[in-house]
N, C-alpha and C. Protein backbone atom coordinates (compact mmCIF):
# COMPACT_ATOMS: atom_id res chain seq x y z
N MET A 1 -22.03 2.76 17.88
CA MET A 1 -22.22 2.38 19.47
C MET A 1 -22.54 1.22 19.44
N VAL A 2 -21.42 0.38 20.72
CA VAL A 2 -21.61 -0.89 20.64
C VAL A 2 -22.21 -1.11 21.80
N GLY A 3 -22.34 -1.09 23.20
CA GLY A 3 -23.07 -1.53 24.50
C GLY A 3 -22.83 -0.21 25.21
N ALA A 4 -23.08 -0.25 26.95
CA ALA A 4 -23.47 1.12 26.91
C ALA A 4 -22.26 1.42 26.85
N ASN A 5 -21.93 2.58 26.96
CA ASN A 5 -20.66 3.81 27.40
C ASN A 5 -19.58 3.14 26.20
N GLU A 6 -19.48 2.63 25.10
CA GLU A 6 -18.48 1.70 24.56
C GLU A 6 -18.78 2.36 23.06
N TYR A 7 -17.58 2.66 22.15
CA TYR A 7 -17.42 2.61 20.89
C TYR A 7 -16.50 2.91 20.25
N TYR A 8 -16.91 2.28 18.87
CA TYR A 8 -15.50 2.16 18.45
C TYR A 8 -15.03 3.39 17.98
N GLY A 9 -13.17 3.13 17.61
CA GLY A 9 -12.37 4.16 17.29
C GLY A 9 -11.13 4.53 17.08
N LEU A 10 -10.26 4.70 16.64
CA LEU A 10 -9.13 4.91 16.37
C LEU A 10 -8.16 5.78 17.44
N ARG A 11 -7.41 4.00 17.94
CA ARG A 11 -6.70 4.09 18.90
C ARG A 11 -5.63 4.32 19.25
N ARG A 12 -4.95 5.06 19.77
CA ARG A 12 -3.58 4.66 21.02
C ARG A 12 -3.04 4.43 21.80
N ASP A 13 -2.31 3.06 22.00
CA ASP A 13 -2.32 3.11 23.59
C ASP A 13 -0.77 2.83 23.79
N GLU A 14 0.35 3.52 24.47
CA GLU A 14 1.45 3.80 24.76
C GLU A 14 2.23 2.37 25.46
N LYS A 15 2.00 1.82 26.99
CA LYS A 15 2.06 1.37 26.92
C LYS A 15 1.41 -0.54 27.07
N ARG A 16 0.28 -0.76 26.80
CA ARG A 16 -0.10 -1.90 26.31
C ARG A 16 0.27 -2.79 24.81
N LYS A 17 0.49 -1.96 24.17
CA LYS A 17 1.16 -2.06 22.83
C LYS A 17 -0.32 -3.58 22.68
N ARG A 18 -1.50 -2.97 22.42
CA ARG A 18 -2.54 -4.24 22.35
C ARG A 18 -2.47 -4.99 21.14
N LEU A 19 -2.15 -4.87 20.06
CA LEU A 19 -1.81 -6.00 18.77
C LEU A 19 -1.05 -7.42 19.58
N GLU A 20 -0.11 -6.55 19.76
CA GLU A 20 1.28 -7.87 20.08
C GLU A 20 0.95 -9.11 21.26
N PRO A 21 -0.28 -9.27 21.74
CA PRO A 21 -0.34 -10.68 21.94
C PRO A 21 -1.16 -10.88 21.78
N LEU A 22 -1.65 -10.51 20.78
CA LEU A 22 -3.01 -11.48 20.01
C LEU A 22 -1.69 -11.80 18.76
N LEU A 23 -0.56 -10.66 18.27
CA LEU A 23 0.20 -12.26 17.15
C LEU A 23 1.16 -12.86 17.77
N LYS A 24 1.04 -12.60 18.65
CA LYS A 24 2.12 -13.42 19.82
C LYS A 24 1.40 -14.76 19.96
N LYS A 25 -0.22 -14.78 20.45
CA LYS A 25 -1.06 -15.68 20.47
C LYS A 25 -1.25 -17.03 19.22
N TYR A 26 -1.37 -16.03 17.85
CA TYR A 26 -1.37 -16.60 16.58
C TYR A 26 0.19 -17.32 15.89
N ALA A 27 0.92 -16.67 16.08
CA ALA A 27 1.49 -17.46 16.42
C ALA A 27 2.10 -18.77 16.58
N ASP A 28 2.05 -18.80 18.22
CA ASP A 28 1.83 -20.21 19.31
C ASP A 28 1.64 -20.84 18.80
N ARG A 29 0.05 -20.63 17.82
CA ARG A 29 -0.70 -21.48 16.94
C ARG A 29 -0.07 -22.37 16.14
N ILE A 30 0.03 -21.39 14.84
CA ILE A 30 0.91 -21.91 13.67
C ILE A 30 1.77 -22.40 13.36
N GLN A 31 2.57 -22.25 15.07
CA GLN A 31 4.09 -23.24 14.94
C GLN A 31 3.78 -24.05 15.87
N VAL A 32 3.03 -24.48 16.68
CA VAL A 32 2.72 -25.41 17.39
C VAL A 32 2.08 -26.40 15.86
N HIS A 33 0.75 -26.30 15.04
CA HIS A 33 -0.02 -26.59 13.86
C HIS A 33 1.12 -27.37 13.07
N SER A 34 2.60 -26.76 12.60
CA SER A 34 3.61 -26.48 12.16
C SER A 34 4.69 -27.91 12.85
N TRP A 35 4.81 -27.65 13.83
CA TRP A 35 6.03 -28.73 15.03
C TRP A 35 4.85 -30.03 15.09
N LYS A 36 3.96 -30.34 14.59
CA LYS A 36 3.43 -31.59 14.10
C LYS A 36 3.52 -32.45 13.04
N ILE A 37 3.56 -31.32 12.24
CA ILE A 37 4.24 -32.10 11.05
C ILE A 37 5.47 -31.83 10.49
N ASP A 38 6.36 -31.66 10.76
CA ASP A 38 8.14 -31.86 11.38
C ASP A 38 8.83 -30.89 10.92
N MET A 39 10.24 -30.62 10.99
CA MET A 39 10.78 -29.61 11.24
C MET A 39 11.09 -28.28 10.70
N ASP A 40 10.88 -29.00 9.89
CA ASP A 40 11.09 -28.00 8.58
C ASP A 40 9.77 -27.05 8.69
N ALA A 41 8.36 -27.77 7.89
CA ALA A 41 7.14 -27.30 8.77
C ALA A 41 7.37 -26.15 9.59
N LEU A 42 7.71 -26.21 11.06
CA LEU A 42 7.89 -25.21 11.92
C LEU A 42 8.76 -24.46 11.52
N HIS A 43 10.19 -24.43 11.25
CA HIS A 43 11.60 -23.87 10.49
C HIS A 43 10.26 -22.53 9.41
N ASP A 44 9.70 -22.98 9.10
CA ASP A 44 8.85 -22.08 7.25
C ASP A 44 8.15 -21.29 8.70
N ALA A 45 6.99 -22.25 9.80
CA ALA A 45 6.42 -21.32 10.74
C ALA A 45 6.85 -20.10 10.83
N ALA A 46 7.98 -20.47 11.88
CA ALA A 46 8.73 -19.77 13.05
C ALA A 46 9.41 -17.98 12.00
N GLU A 47 9.58 -18.35 10.84
CA GLU A 47 10.14 -17.33 9.93
C GLU A 47 9.55 -16.61 9.35
N PHE A 48 8.11 -17.33 9.14
CA PHE A 48 6.96 -15.78 8.23
C PHE A 48 6.67 -14.98 10.07
N SER A 49 6.59 -16.01 11.24
CA SER A 49 6.04 -15.27 12.37
C SER A 49 6.08 -13.91 12.42
N LYS A 50 8.30 -14.33 11.78
CA LYS A 50 8.63 -13.18 12.48
C LYS A 50 8.41 -12.02 11.36
N ALA A 51 8.27 -12.63 10.09
CA ALA A 51 7.94 -11.09 9.23
C ALA A 51 6.68 -11.01 9.17
N LEU A 52 6.17 -11.25 10.03
CA LEU A 52 4.70 -10.77 10.34
C LEU A 52 4.97 -10.18 11.97
N PHE A 53 5.41 -9.76 12.24
CA PHE A 53 5.83 -9.42 13.50
C PHE A 53 6.17 -8.37 12.93
N SER A 54 7.46 -7.94 12.37
CA SER A 54 7.59 -6.70 11.68
C SER A 54 7.72 -6.20 10.97
N ARG A 55 6.68 -6.68 10.27
CA ARG A 55 5.38 -5.53 9.69
C ARG A 55 4.65 -5.23 10.30
N VAL A 56 3.91 -5.95 10.84
CA VAL A 56 2.51 -4.45 11.74
C VAL A 56 3.24 -3.72 12.17
N LYS A 57 4.13 -4.20 13.32
CA LYS A 57 4.74 -3.13 13.85
C LYS A 57 5.98 -2.15 13.14
N SER A 58 5.79 -1.64 12.06
CA SER A 58 6.08 -0.83 12.02
C SER A 58 5.90 0.45 11.79
N ASP A 59 5.60 1.35 11.30
CA ASP A 59 5.42 3.11 10.87
C ASP A 59 4.28 3.16 10.46
N SER A 60 3.97 2.35 9.51
CA SER A 60 3.02 2.51 8.05
C SER A 60 2.05 1.53 8.56
N PHE A 61 1.97 0.84 9.52
CA PHE A 61 1.01 0.09 10.00
C PHE A 61 0.13 0.20 12.38
N THR A 62 1.56 0.07 12.67
CA THR A 62 0.76 0.50 13.98
C THR A 62 1.82 1.06 14.75
N CYS A 63 2.88 1.28 14.51
CA CYS A 63 4.63 2.11 14.63
C CYS A 63 4.77 1.66 16.12
N ASP A 64 5.27 0.47 16.14
CA ASP A 64 4.89 -1.13 17.64
C ASP A 64 4.33 -0.91 18.39
N PHE A 65 3.43 -1.45 17.06
CA PHE A 65 1.72 -1.76 18.44
C PHE A 65 1.45 -0.55 18.79
N LYS A 66 1.24 0.86 18.70
CA LYS A 66 0.79 1.09 19.68
C LYS A 66 -0.82 1.82 18.89
N GLU A 67 -0.69 1.73 17.44
CA GLU A 67 -1.56 2.28 17.14
C GLU A 67 -2.89 0.62 17.08
N TYR A 68 -4.29 1.42 17.12
CA TYR A 68 -5.23 -0.28 16.65
C TYR A 68 -5.95 0.84 16.24
N VAL A 69 -7.65 0.28 16.22
CA VAL A 69 -9.01 0.46 16.73
C VAL A 69 -9.15 -1.12 17.27
N GLY A 70 -10.46 -0.16 18.10
CA GLY A 70 -10.77 -0.64 19.06
C GLY A 70 -12.17 -0.44 19.62
N ILE A 71 -12.53 -1.02 20.78
CA ILE A 71 -13.59 -0.39 21.39
C ILE A 71 -13.71 -0.44 22.37
N ASP A 72 -13.76 1.44 23.29
CA ASP A 72 -13.49 1.61 24.52
C ASP A 72 -14.62 2.65 25.36
N GLN A 73 -14.14 3.28 26.02
CA GLN A 73 -15.88 3.91 26.87
C GLN A 73 -14.66 4.92 26.31
N TRP A 74 -13.73 5.53 25.63
CA TRP A 74 -13.45 6.33 25.05
C TRP A 74 -14.51 6.74 24.23
N THR A 75 -15.14 8.77 24.07
CA THR A 75 -15.01 8.55 22.89
C THR A 75 -14.42 9.96 21.83
N ASP A 76 -13.61 10.09 22.11
CA ASP A 76 -12.15 10.93 21.68
C ASP A 76 -11.89 9.37 20.04
N ARG A 77 -12.08 10.05 19.24
CA ARG A 77 -11.86 9.40 17.17
C ARG A 77 -12.79 8.47 17.74
N CYS A 78 -13.91 9.15 17.59
CA CYS A 78 -15.08 7.48 17.63
C CYS A 78 -15.94 8.26 16.12
N ALA A 79 -15.84 9.39 15.83
CA ALA A 79 -17.45 9.59 14.90
C ALA A 79 -16.95 8.71 13.15
N PHE A 80 -17.60 8.64 12.14
CA PHE A 80 -16.63 7.78 11.41
C PHE A 80 -17.84 8.53 10.51
N GLU A 81 -17.42 8.34 8.63
CA GLU A 81 -18.07 9.24 7.82
C GLU A 81 -17.96 8.37 7.07
N VAL A 82 -19.20 8.31 5.63
CA VAL A 82 -18.78 7.50 4.29
C VAL A 82 -19.33 8.74 3.56
N GLU A 83 -18.94 8.42 1.87
CA GLU A 83 -19.97 9.39 0.80
C GLU A 83 -20.83 8.18 0.65
N VAL A 84 -22.18 9.18 0.39
CA VAL A 84 -23.59 8.53 0.21
C VAL A 84 -24.03 9.06 -1.06
N GLN A 85 -24.40 9.26 -1.61
CA GLN A 85 -25.39 9.20 -2.42
C GLN A 85 -27.27 9.44 -1.92
N GLY A 86 -27.46 10.75 -2.00
CA GLY A 86 -28.69 11.45 -1.34
C GLY A 86 -30.05 12.04 -2.65
N GLU A 87 -30.86 11.84 -2.03
CA GLU A 87 -31.70 13.00 -2.49
C GLU A 87 -32.66 14.31 -2.53
N LEU A 88 -32.54 15.29 -2.52
CA LEU A 88 -32.67 16.29 -2.48
C LEU A 88 -33.62 16.77 -1.45
N ASN A 89 -33.50 17.08 0.17
CA ASN A 89 -33.61 17.44 1.16
C ASN A 89 -34.09 16.58 1.84
N GLN A 90 -33.81 15.17 1.61
CA GLN A 90 -33.70 14.14 2.49
C GLN A 90 -32.58 13.92 3.10
N ALA A 91 -32.70 12.97 4.50
CA ALA A 91 -31.28 13.17 4.92
C ALA A 91 -31.01 11.88 4.42
N PRO A 92 -29.34 12.02 4.08
CA PRO A 92 -28.60 10.75 3.73
C PRO A 92 -28.39 9.09 4.70
N LYS A 93 -28.34 8.25 4.17
CA LYS A 93 -28.70 7.40 5.13
C LYS A 93 -27.85 6.03 4.33
N LEU A 94 -26.91 5.25 5.07
CA LEU A 94 -26.33 4.18 4.56
C LEU A 94 -27.26 2.85 3.97
N ARG A 95 -27.13 1.94 3.45
CA ARG A 95 -27.49 0.94 3.33
C ARG A 95 -27.05 -0.23 3.19
N TYR A 96 -27.63 -0.86 3.40
CA TYR A 96 -27.01 -2.64 3.89
C TYR A 96 -26.60 -2.98 2.93
N ASN A 97 -25.86 -4.33 2.38
CA ASN A 97 -25.14 -4.84 1.59
C ASN A 97 -24.60 -3.92 0.48
N VAL A 98 -23.78 -3.18 0.56
CA VAL A 98 -22.90 -1.71 -0.06
C VAL A 98 -21.99 -1.25 0.82
N PRO A 99 -20.91 -2.04 -0.21
CA PRO A 99 -19.01 -1.38 -0.13
C PRO A 99 -19.41 0.12 0.45
N TYR A 100 -18.80 0.01 1.27
CA TYR A 100 -18.38 1.83 2.07
C TYR A 100 -16.27 1.85 2.48
N LEU A 101 -15.88 3.11 1.99
CA LEU A 101 -14.62 3.12 2.55
C LEU A 101 -14.73 4.13 3.50
N ILE A 102 -14.49 3.73 4.90
CA ILE A 102 -14.89 4.02 6.17
C ILE A 102 -13.73 5.39 6.31
N ARG A 103 -13.95 6.38 6.81
CA ARG A 103 -12.54 7.46 7.16
C ARG A 103 -13.32 8.47 8.88
N SER A 104 -12.55 8.65 9.71
CA SER A 104 -13.01 9.29 10.57
C SER A 104 -13.25 10.98 10.42
N VAL A 105 -13.76 11.39 11.19
CA VAL A 105 -14.33 13.07 10.80
C VAL A 105 -13.96 13.72 11.60
N LYS A 106 -12.27 13.33 12.14
CA LYS A 106 -12.25 14.31 12.79
C LYS A 106 -10.45 14.21 12.88
N ASP A 107 -9.99 13.31 12.07
CA ASP A 107 -8.53 12.70 11.35
C ASP A 107 -9.22 12.32 9.73
N PRO A 108 -9.79 13.19 8.51
CA PRO A 108 -10.66 12.61 7.19
C PRO A 108 -9.89 12.55 6.99
N HIS A 109 -7.80 12.73 6.90
CA HIS A 109 -7.15 11.22 6.62
C HIS A 109 -6.28 10.43 6.65
N LEU A 110 -7.57 9.35 7.45
CA LEU A 110 -7.57 8.18 7.89
C LEU A 110 -8.53 6.92 7.61
N TYR A 111 -8.75 5.98 7.74
CA TYR A 111 -9.65 5.53 6.98
C TYR A 111 -9.27 3.66 7.74
N LEU A 112 -9.90 3.45 7.82
CA LEU A 112 -10.50 1.94 8.05
C LEU A 112 -9.80 0.91 7.41
N CYS A 113 -8.98 0.08 7.53
CA CYS A 113 -8.16 -0.61 6.97
C CYS A 113 -7.97 -1.90 7.70
N ALA A 114 -7.94 -3.24 6.60
CA ALA A 114 -7.68 -4.32 7.40
C ALA A 114 -6.55 -5.90 6.89
N ASP A 115 -5.83 -5.83 7.27
CA ASP A 115 -4.44 -6.78 7.32
C ASP A 115 -5.12 -8.22 7.19
N THR A 116 -4.75 -8.73 6.02
CA THR A 116 -4.75 -9.96 6.45
C THR A 116 -3.78 -11.37 5.40
N SER A 117 -2.73 -10.37 5.04
CA SER A 117 -1.50 -10.68 5.26
C SER A 117 -1.51 -12.06 5.73
N GLY A 118 -1.42 -11.37 7.18
CA GLY A 118 -0.57 -12.52 8.30
C GLY A 118 -1.17 -13.94 7.93
N SER A 119 -2.33 -14.28 6.67
CA SER A 119 -3.09 -15.81 6.86
C SER A 119 -2.18 -16.52 6.59
N TYR A 120 -2.10 -17.28 7.01
CA TYR A 120 -0.77 -18.83 7.07
C TYR A 120 -2.07 -19.51 6.30
N LYS A 121 -1.15 -20.59 5.00
CA LYS A 121 -1.92 -21.54 4.90
C LYS A 121 -2.90 -22.08 4.64
N GLU A 122 -3.25 -22.48 5.50
CA GLU A 122 -5.19 -22.22 5.73
C GLU A 122 -5.56 -21.31 6.94
N THR A 123 -5.00 -21.43 7.56
CA THR A 123 -5.50 -20.78 8.48
C THR A 123 -5.52 -18.80 7.95
N PHE A 124 -6.24 -18.06 8.16
CA PHE A 124 -6.82 -16.86 7.78
C PHE A 124 -6.80 -15.58 9.61
N PHE A 125 -6.24 -15.34 8.78
CA PHE A 125 -5.74 -14.09 9.80
C PHE A 125 -5.71 -12.84 9.95
N GLY A 126 -6.69 -11.99 10.65
CA GLY A 126 -6.32 -10.44 10.12
C GLY A 126 -6.65 -9.39 11.20
N TYR A 127 -6.63 -8.96 11.05
CA TYR A 127 -7.20 -7.94 12.01
C TYR A 127 -6.61 -6.14 11.60
N MET A 128 -7.83 -4.98 12.31
CA MET A 128 -7.92 -3.36 11.90
C MET A 128 -6.55 -2.78 12.56
N PHE A 129 -6.30 -1.65 11.45
CA PHE A 129 -5.84 -0.19 11.54
C PHE A 129 -6.24 0.83 11.08
N TYR A 130 -5.27 2.08 10.46
CA TYR A 130 -6.09 3.02 10.38
C TYR A 130 -4.60 3.47 9.38
N ALA A 131 -5.41 4.50 8.36
CA ALA A 131 -3.97 4.28 7.75
C ALA A 131 -5.35 5.09 6.23
N ARG A 132 -4.43 6.09 4.99
CA ARG A 132 -4.28 6.85 4.90
C ARG A 132 -4.94 5.44 3.36
N VAL A 133 -6.14 7.10 2.59
CA VAL A 133 -7.07 6.28 1.44
C VAL A 133 -6.70 5.27 0.47
N ASN A 134 -4.89 5.45 0.31
CA ASN A 134 -4.87 4.29 -0.83
C ASN A 134 -4.55 3.30 0.01
N ARG A 135 -4.67 2.50 1.42
CA ARG A 135 -4.32 1.97 1.87
C ARG A 135 -5.56 1.05 2.78
N ALA A 136 -7.48 2.50 2.45
CA ALA A 136 -8.33 2.09 2.76
C ALA A 136 -9.15 0.90 2.08
N SER A 137 -9.12 -0.56 3.74
CA SER A 137 -10.25 -1.40 3.34
C SER A 137 -11.78 -0.48 2.61
N LYS A 138 -12.42 -1.87 2.39
CA LYS A 138 -14.13 -1.58 1.73
C LYS A 138 -14.29 -2.42 2.81
N PHE A 139 -15.89 -1.69 3.61
CA PHE A 139 -16.36 -2.48 4.52
C PHE A 139 -17.91 -2.59 3.74
N MET A 140 -18.68 -3.76 4.33
CA MET A 140 -20.09 -3.34 4.50
C MET A 140 -20.71 -3.60 5.73
N PHE A 141 -22.13 -3.01 6.02
CA PHE A 141 -22.66 -3.65 7.01
C PHE A 141 -24.05 -4.36 6.47
N LEU A 142 -23.89 -5.38 7.34
CA LEU A 142 -25.22 -6.22 7.39
C LEU A 142 -26.24 -6.51 8.38
N LYS A 143 -28.05 -6.27 8.39
CA LYS A 143 -28.54 -6.40 9.86
C LYS A 143 -27.96 -7.30 10.37
N ALA A 144 -27.93 -6.81 11.85
CA ALA A 144 -27.55 -8.17 12.80
C ALA A 144 -28.91 -9.66 12.71
N GLY A 145 -28.43 -10.60 12.24
CA GLY A 145 -29.50 -11.75 12.32
C GLY A 145 -30.16 -11.44 10.91
N ALA A 146 -30.49 -11.10 10.52
CA ALA A 146 -30.61 -10.73 9.64
C ALA A 146 -29.28 -10.45 7.78
N ARG A 147 -28.35 -11.11 7.39
CA ARG A 147 -27.77 -10.95 6.30
C ARG A 147 -28.29 -10.46 5.42
N GLN A 148 -29.09 -10.70 5.10
CA GLN A 148 -29.43 -10.71 3.26
C GLN A 148 -30.22 -9.92 3.23
N VAL A 149 -30.78 -9.26 4.06
CA VAL A 149 -31.25 -7.52 3.87
C VAL A 149 -30.41 -6.73 3.16
N LYS A 150 -31.47 -6.10 2.21
CA LYS A 150 -30.94 -4.67 1.84
C LYS A 150 -31.51 -3.71 2.00
N GLY A 151 -31.78 -2.53 1.58
CA GLY A 151 -32.53 -0.82 1.48
C GLY A 151 -31.59 -0.43 2.79
N ASP A 152 -31.81 0.66 3.28
CA ASP A 152 -31.41 2.21 3.73
C ASP A 152 -31.33 0.47 5.95
N ILE A 153 -30.55 1.79 6.11
CA ILE A 153 -29.87 1.29 7.81
C ILE A 153 -30.79 2.57 8.62
N ASP A 154 -31.65 1.79 9.58
CA ASP A 154 -32.33 3.25 10.24
C ASP A 154 -31.58 3.41 11.31
N ASP A 155 -31.42 4.34 12.07
CA ASP A 155 -30.96 4.85 12.86
C ASP A 155 -30.68 4.25 14.08
N GLY A 156 -29.91 3.47 14.55
CA GLY A 156 -30.07 2.85 16.18
C GLY A 156 -30.00 0.77 15.68
N GLN A 157 -30.33 0.99 14.49
CA GLN A 157 -30.35 -0.64 14.50
C GLN A 157 -29.07 -1.27 14.11
N GLU A 158 -29.35 -2.53 14.56
CA GLU A 158 -27.89 -3.13 15.20
C GLU A 158 -27.25 -3.87 13.57
N VAL A 159 -26.22 -3.61 13.55
CA VAL A 159 -25.61 -3.77 12.28
C VAL A 159 -24.28 -4.92 12.78
N GLU A 160 -23.75 -5.04 11.59
CA GLU A 160 -22.26 -6.07 12.03
C GLU A 160 -21.57 -5.91 10.91
N LEU A 161 -20.26 -5.53 11.27
CA LEU A 161 -19.38 -4.78 10.10
C LEU A 161 -18.93 -5.83 9.77
N THR A 162 -18.05 -5.70 8.40
CA THR A 162 -18.40 -6.42 7.06
C THR A 162 -17.03 -6.56 6.34
N LEU A 163 -15.89 -7.19 6.71
CA LEU A 163 -14.63 -6.55 5.91
C LEU A 163 -15.61 -6.94 4.23
N CYS A 164 -14.77 -6.78 2.62
CA CYS A 164 -15.16 -7.29 1.70
C CYS A 164 -13.95 -7.22 0.67
N ASP A 165 -14.12 -7.82 -0.38
CA ASP A 165 -13.13 -8.53 -1.26
C ASP A 165 -12.84 -7.65 -2.24
N GLU A 166 -12.50 -7.49 -3.54
CA GLU A 166 -12.14 -6.97 -4.12
C GLU A 166 -12.90 -6.76 -5.07
N SER A 167 -13.87 -7.77 -4.88
CA SER A 167 -15.09 -7.58 -5.60
C SER A 167 -15.89 -7.16 -5.13
N GLY A 168 -16.36 -6.81 -3.28
CA GLY A 168 -17.23 -6.15 -3.17
C GLY A 168 -18.14 -7.31 -2.19
N SER A 169 -17.40 -8.64 -2.36
CA SER A 169 -18.41 -9.66 -1.38
C SER A 169 -17.73 -9.09 -0.26
N ALA A 170 -18.81 -9.93 1.62
CA ALA A 170 -18.32 -9.62 2.50
C ALA A 170 -17.77 -11.17 2.31
N ILE A 171 -16.30 -11.60 2.94
CA ILE A 171 -15.70 -12.40 3.84
C ILE A 171 -15.34 -12.86 5.02
N ALA A 172 -15.55 -11.82 5.63
CA ALA A 172 -15.02 -11.49 6.95
C ALA A 172 -15.45 -10.35 8.00
N ARG A 173 -15.59 -10.82 9.01
CA ARG A 173 -16.86 -10.13 10.70
C ARG A 173 -15.79 -9.02 10.88
N VAL A 174 -15.53 -8.06 11.73
CA VAL A 174 -14.75 -7.38 12.34
C VAL A 174 -15.25 -7.48 13.85
N GLN A 175 -14.64 -8.24 14.15
CA GLN A 175 -15.10 -8.55 16.19
C GLN A 175 -13.85 -9.01 17.14
N ARG A 176 -14.37 -8.21 18.08
CA ARG A 176 -13.42 -8.48 19.26
C ARG A 176 -12.25 -9.38 19.56
N TYR A 177 -11.14 -9.14 19.92
CA TYR A 177 -10.09 -10.48 20.11
C TYR A 177 -10.74 -10.26 22.06
N GLU A 178 -10.74 -12.04 22.48
CA GLU A 178 -11.48 -12.42 22.80
C GLU A 178 -10.84 -11.68 24.44
N ASP A 179 -9.19 -12.05 24.34
CA ASP A 179 -8.53 -11.89 25.89
C ASP A 179 -8.60 -10.03 25.85
N ASP A 180 -9.10 -9.02 25.52
CA ASP A 180 -8.22 -7.43 25.85
C ASP A 180 -10.11 -6.84 25.87
N GLY A 181 -11.19 -7.46 25.01
CA GLY A 181 -12.23 -6.78 24.54
C GLY A 181 -12.16 -5.72 23.96
N SER A 182 -11.24 -5.96 23.65
CA SER A 182 -11.63 -4.07 22.64
C SER A 182 -10.83 -4.18 21.61
N THR A 183 -9.48 -4.86 21.49
CA THR A 183 -8.89 -4.34 20.38
C THR A 183 -9.72 -5.07 18.47
N LEU A 184 -9.74 -5.03 17.69
CA LEU A 184 -10.92 -5.53 16.37
C LEU A 184 -9.89 -6.18 16.10
N MET A 185 -10.17 -7.22 15.85
CA MET A 185 -9.33 -8.25 14.72
C MET A 185 -10.69 -9.06 12.96
N VAL A 186 -10.01 -9.62 12.15
CA VAL A 186 -10.86 -9.95 11.45
C VAL A 186 -11.29 -11.11 11.37
N SER A 187 -12.68 -11.72 11.63
CA SER A 187 -12.62 -13.45 11.50
C SER A 187 -13.47 -13.64 10.07
N LYS A 188 -12.86 -14.90 9.99
CA LYS A 188 -13.53 -15.12 8.21
C LYS A 188 -14.94 -16.31 8.70
N TYR A 189 -15.63 -15.71 7.99
CA TYR A 189 -16.95 -16.54 7.97
C TYR A 189 -16.90 -18.06 8.11
N GLY A 190 -17.24 -18.85 9.33
CA GLY A 190 -17.08 -20.52 9.12
C GLY A 190 -16.12 -20.58 9.84
N GLU A 191 -15.28 -19.52 10.10
CA GLU A 191 -14.34 -19.87 11.24
C GLU A 191 -14.52 -19.51 12.13
N HIS A 192 -13.69 -20.81 13.40
CA HIS A 192 -14.22 -21.02 14.89
C HIS A 192 -13.01 -20.97 15.71
N ASP A 193 -12.80 -20.69 17.24
CA ASP A 193 -11.43 -20.88 17.97
C ASP A 193 -10.34 -20.04 17.23
N ASP A 194 -10.89 -18.64 17.07
CA ASP A 194 -9.77 -17.97 16.01
C ASP A 194 -9.42 -16.72 17.15
N PHE A 195 -10.13 -16.75 18.52
CA PHE A 195 -8.80 -15.86 19.09
C PHE A 195 -10.36 -14.60 19.27
N SER A 196 -11.02 -14.84 18.33
CA SER A 196 -12.59 -13.70 18.67
C SER A 196 -13.33 -13.76 19.19
N VAL A 197 -14.20 -12.63 19.01
CA VAL A 197 -16.07 -13.04 20.40
C VAL A 197 -16.48 -11.83 19.54
N GLU A 198 -17.79 -12.14 19.20
CA GLU A 198 -19.06 -11.72 18.30
C GLU A 198 -19.22 -9.88 18.32
N ASN A 199 -18.84 -8.85 17.47
CA ASN A 199 -18.91 -7.48 17.43
C ASN A 199 -20.23 -6.97 17.52
N ASN A 200 -21.40 -7.48 17.23
CA ASN A 200 -22.34 -6.36 16.89
C ASN A 200 -22.36 -4.68 17.77
N ALA A 201 -22.82 -4.49 16.50
CA ALA A 201 -22.97 -2.75 17.00
C ALA A 201 -24.35 -1.97 16.66
N TYR A 202 -24.49 -1.11 17.29
CA TYR A 202 -25.65 0.05 17.55
C TYR A 202 -25.12 1.16 16.24
N LEU A 203 -25.04 1.33 15.24
CA LEU A 203 -25.25 2.08 14.04
C LEU A 203 -26.23 3.40 14.52
N GLN A 204 -25.42 4.88 14.57
CA GLN A 204 -25.89 5.92 15.47
C GLN A 204 -25.42 6.81 14.41
N TYR A 205 -26.77 7.73 13.69
CA TYR A 205 -26.66 9.00 13.05
C TYR A 205 -25.63 10.21 13.81
N ILE A 206 -24.71 10.53 13.38
CA ILE A 206 -25.09 12.09 14.24
C ILE A 206 -25.50 13.81 13.27
N GLN A 207 -25.76 13.63 13.67
CA GLN A 207 -26.59 15.93 13.70
C GLN A 207 -25.62 16.84 13.45
N GLU A 208 -25.55 17.52 12.44
CA GLU A 208 -24.99 18.16 12.63
C GLU A 208 -26.43 19.29 12.44
């Protein structure tokens, strides 16, 4: 849960194609920066942007931009689960600063993924999508305002969802796209003015 009646979820929007405007905005930025260098740099950036659009809109990523991971008031496809080791007769809990694969409860074959292949030269870019486990990314939960904290995460705690690299280290935060306030993207630590806004959430355990 994020705010009042707002939830993370696996989404599909046939009309708005949420990720397309974000990619266009990013492509404009890297091409403007390249144009300031020379025409060859501009051409390279334009070709890179074209290839990125083709990749992201493909069926293996977003199905023509119709699929995305976002924050909305819809509660469908908003429950997620991870595999944890717990003690007998004790309810399992997630832990801070531990990498996890995160999958949908309703669609257990679908996992949260982050694609950062669109990063260009020194400019980092990443967005969220969903796919099968062989393409899943690892994420960890950090305590909001105290990222170094370790231990169990209690119900209702404010957390920061973070993308991990292959070594299990946090490299980027999951944030909202600034223009629609819904579509989730990945913002590298230390980066500013990357079209994202903060997106802390409150962890709620589902009791079965």
